[in-house]
Amino acid sequence: MSLGSSYSVDLCRLCAQICNACAEECDRHAAMGMDHCRECADACRECAEACNTMISENN
């Protein structure tokens, strides 16, 4: 992102999509009592949020 690559925004968008998909899957497992999956879902959402912030700052 700091070098202004033409692929930076696309890469961050893809990363956010992957992190959101992972969070959704982890939520399903967390609903079955797997606390470590809740932690994973939270971390994935934080990553997606960071990616979305970088996208908005570079558009």
Protein backbone atom coordinates (compact mmCIF):
# COMPACT_ATOMS: atom_id res chain seq x y z
CA MET A 1 0.00 0.00 0.00
CA SER A 2 2.78 2.42 0.91
CA LEU A 3 4.42 2.01 -2.51
CA GLY A 4 1.20 2.74 -4.37
CA SER A 5 1.00 -0.52 -6.28
CA SER A 6 -1.91 -0.68 -8.69
CA TYR A 7 -2.84 -4.02 -7.09
CA SER A 8 -2.91 -2.83 -3.48
CA VAL A 9 -6.61 -2.01 -3.32
CA ASP A 10 -7.55 -5.24 -5.11
CA LEU A 11 -5.36 -7.24 -2.73
CA CYS A 12 -6.88 -5.59 0.33
CA ARG A 13 -10.39 -6.13 -1.03
CA LEU A 14 -9.68 -9.84 -1.56
CA CYS A 15 -8.13 -10.14 1.90
CA ALA A 16 -11.22 -8.55 3.47
CA GLN A 17 -13.50 -10.96 1.60
CA ILE A 18 -11.45 -13.95 2.74
CA CYS A 19 -11.37 -12.74 6.34
CA ASN A 20 -15.13 -12.18 6.37
CA ALA A 21 -15.73 -15.67 4.97
CA CYS A 22 -13.43 -17.16 7.60
CA ALA A 23 -15.24 -15.24 10.35
CA GLU A 24 -18.60 -16.59 9.18
CA GLU A 25 -17.31 -20.16 9.20
CA CYS A 26 -15.72 -19.73 12.61
CA ASP A 27 -19.00 -18.31 13.95
CA ARG A 28 -20.73 -21.56 12.97
CA HIS A 29 -18.20 -23.55 14.97
CA ALA A 30 -18.31 -21.11 17.87
CA ALA A 31 -22.07 -21.65 18.07
CA MET A 32 -21.29 -25.28 18.91
CA GLY A 33 -19.27 -24.22 21.95
CA MET A 34 -15.82 -23.92 20.43
CA ASP A 35 -14.51 -20.79 22.14
CA HIS A 36 -11.26 -20.73 20.17
CA CYS A 37 -13.37 -20.34 17.01
CA ARG A 38 -15.01 -17.23 18.50
CA GLU A 39 -11.54 -15.78 19.01
CA CYS A 40 -10.63 -16.63 15.41
CA ALA A 41 -13.81 -15.01 14.10
CA ASP A 42 -13.05 -11.84 16.06
CA ALA A 43 -9.48 -11.73 14.71
CA CYS A 44 -10.72 -12.24 11.16
CA ARG A 45 -13.21 -9.39 11.52
CA GLU A 46 -10.46 -7.10 12.82
CA CYS A 47 -8.32 -8.00 9.81
CA ALA A 48 -11.21 -7.34 7.40
CA GLU A 49 -11.84 -3.99 9.07
CA ALA A 50 -8.16 -3.02 8.73
CA CYS A 51 -8.22 -3.98 5.06
CA ASN A 52 -11.37 -1.97 4.45
CA THR A 53 -9.81 1.03 6.18
CA MET A 54 -6.77 0.82 3.91
CA ILE A 55 -9.05 0.59 0.87
CA SER A 56 -11.01 3.68 1.88
CA GLU A 57 -7.81 5.63 2.56
CA ASN A 58 -6.39 4.77 -0.87
CA ASN A 59 -9.41 5.38 -3.09
